[in-house]
Amino acid sequence: QVHLVESGGGLVQAGGSLRLSCAASGYTFSSRAMGWFRQGPGAVREFVAAITRSGARPFYPDHVKGRFVISRDNDKNMVYLDMNNLKVEDTAVYYCAAAPSRGSDYYIGRVPAEYDYWGQGTQVTVSS
């Protein structure tokens, strides 16, 4: 019953921007931290961003920090990833994921195994 649907991917030139959206349903959205991961061709799935239940604390790896912004709207059951100054190496399938339900707003995950549910992914291609 849990369903995550990503959208907003596409083709963009290096230096450009793109907003990815994830629509969630089938669970209490505000009870779970949310994350974005990506997987390029022949690569492992890697952490891109995560945000706590309330949206108070976002987390990013160094290679996207300052370029990507994760946000969520708990009234609309939506999570977003705003990507700026895109690089060719950002090319990948981007996945939205939901973490386990917790009673605390401090839970966060940085590896795929820490998430319970996944969307189908949306392709982002950055050209030079």
Protein backbone atom coordinates (compact mmCIF):
# COMPACT_ATOMS: atom_id res chain seq x y z
CA GLN A 1 0.00 0.00 0.00
CA VAL A 2 2.97 2.32 0.53
CA HIS A 3 3.66 4.14 -2.71
CA LEU A 4 6.43 6.59 -3.61
CA VAL A 5 6.43 8.22 -7.04
CA GLU A 6 9.30 10.37 -8.27
CA SER A 7 8.98 12.95 -11.02
CA GLY A 8 10.87 15.89 -12.48
CA GLY A 9 13.84 14.12 -14.03
CA GLY A 10 15.06 14.93 -17.49
CA LEU A 11 17.91 16.29 -19.58
CA VAL A 12 19.75 19.39 -18.43
CA GLN A 13 23.03 21.05 -19.37
CA ALA A 14 25.91 21.24 -16.91
CA GLY A 15 25.48 24.23 -14.63
CA GLY A 16 21.71 24.06 -14.85
CA SER A 17 19.08 23.29 -12.24
CA LEU A 18 16.34 20.73 -11.77
CA ARG A 19 13.69 20.00 -9.14
CA LEU A 20 12.75 16.43 -8.34
CA SER A 21 9.49 15.64 -6.56
CA CYS A 22 8.35 12.57 -4.65
CA ALA A 23 4.68 11.98 -3.90
CA ALA A 24 4.06 9.63 -0.97
CA SER A 25 0.94 7.70 -0.01
CA GLY A 26 -0.13 4.73 2.09
CA TYR A 27 1.51 5.71 5.38
CA THR A 28 1.70 8.52 7.88
CA PHE A 29 4.13 10.68 5.94
CA SER A 30 5.28 12.79 8.88
CA SER A 31 6.32 9.71 10.90
CA ARG A 32 9.26 8.85 8.64
CA ALA A 33 12.47 10.54 7.63
CA MET A 34 12.84 10.73 3.86
CA GLY A 35 15.86 10.38 1.65
CA TRP A 36 17.11 10.69 -1.89
CA PHE A 37 19.60 8.24 -3.42
CA ARG A 38 21.03 7.89 -6.90
CA GLN A 39 22.53 5.15 -9.00
CA GLY A 40 24.56 5.80 -12.14
CA PRO A 41 25.24 3.24 -14.86
CA GLY A 42 27.37 0.42 -13.44
CA ALA A 43 27.56 2.15 -10.04
CA VAL A 44 26.22 1.36 -6.59
CA ARG A 45 23.33 3.26 -5.08
CA GLU A 46 24.66 6.26 -3.16
CA PHE A 47 23.28 8.71 -0.64
CA VAL A 48 22.27 12.14 -1.94
CA ALA A 49 20.21 13.79 0.80
CA ALA A 50 17.94 13.07 3.75
CA ILE A 51 15.56 15.02 5.93
CA THR A 52 14.08 14.33 9.36
CA ARG A 53 10.37 13.80 9.97
CA SER A 54 9.56 17.44 10.63
CA GLY A 55 11.94 18.81 8.01
CA ALA A 56 14.03 20.55 10.66
CA ARG A 57 17.32 18.78 9.90
CA PRO A 58 18.55 18.05 6.37
CA PHE A 59 21.71 16.04 5.69
CA TYR A 60 23.96 15.93 2.63
CA PRO A 61 27.18 14.24 1.56
CA ASP A 62 30.06 16.55 0.72
CA HIS A 63 29.79 16.18 -3.05
CA VAL A 64 26.31 17.74 -3.19
CA LYS A 65 26.45 20.04 -0.16
CA GLY A 66 25.90 23.62 -1.24
CA ARG A 67 24.36 22.53 -4.56
CA PHE A 68 21.38 20.34 -3.58
CA VAL A 69 18.56 21.18 -1.18
CA ILE A 70 16.09 18.66 0.22
CA SER A 71 12.75 19.82 1.60
CA ARG A 72 9.38 18.36 2.51
CA ASP A 73 5.77 19.44 2.82
CA ASN A 74 4.05 17.24 5.38
CA ASP A 75 0.63 18.70 4.55
CA LYS A 76 0.96 17.54 0.94
CA ASN A 77 2.94 14.32 1.56
CA MET A 78 5.68 15.58 -0.74
CA VAL A 79 9.47 15.61 -0.60
CA TYR A 80 11.61 17.61 -3.01
CA LEU A 81 15.19 17.73 -4.17
CA ASP A 82 16.33 21.01 -5.68
CA MET A 83 19.52 20.45 -7.66
CA ASN A 84 21.66 23.41 -8.71
CA ASN A 85 24.93 23.78 -10.61
CA LEU A 86 24.52 20.28 -11.97
CA LYS A 87 27.57 18.35 -13.13
CA VAL A 88 27.91 15.56 -15.67
CA GLU A 89 28.76 13.19 -12.81
CA ASP A 90 25.31 13.86 -11.31
CA THR A 91 23.81 11.80 -14.13
CA ALA A 92 21.93 8.89 -12.54
CA VAL A 93 18.56 7.44 -11.70
CA TYR A 94 17.33 9.24 -8.59
CA TYR A 95 15.25 7.38 -6.01
CA CYS A 96 13.02 8.62 -3.23
CA ALA A 97 12.99 6.48 -0.07
CA ALA A 98 11.13 6.34 3.25
CA ALA A 99 12.91 5.45 6.49
CA PRO A 100 11.39 3.34 9.31
CA SER A 101 8.66 4.93 11.39
CA ARG A 102 10.06 6.41 14.59
CA GLY A 103 8.75 8.41 17.51
CA SER A 104 11.68 10.81 17.41
CA ASP A 105 12.51 13.53 14.89
CA TYR A 106 16.23 12.74 15.20
CA TYR A 107 16.35 9.56 13.13
CA ILE A 108 18.21 9.77 9.82
CA GLY A 109 19.77 7.27 7.43
CA ARG A 110 22.68 7.56 4.99
CA VAL A 111 22.75 4.07 3.46
CA PRO A 112 20.08 2.24 1.42
CA ALA A 113 19.65 -0.53 4.04
CA GLU A 114 18.32 2.01 6.53
CA TYR A 115 15.21 2.68 4.39
CA ASP A 116 11.99 0.67 4.19
CA TYR A 117 10.30 1.83 0.99
CA TRP A 118 11.47 3.02 -2.42
CA GLY A 119 10.07 4.71 -5.48
CA GLN A 120 10.69 3.53 -9.03
CA GLY A 121 13.25 6.24 -9.79
CA THR A 122 13.50 9.13 -12.22
CA GLN A 123 16.32 9.62 -14.72
CA VAL A 124 18.49 12.73 -14.54
CA THR A 125 20.92 13.27 -17.40
CA VAL A 126 23.40 16.14 -17.32
CA SER A 127 25.13 16.96 -20.58
CA SER A 128 28.25 19.01 -21.23
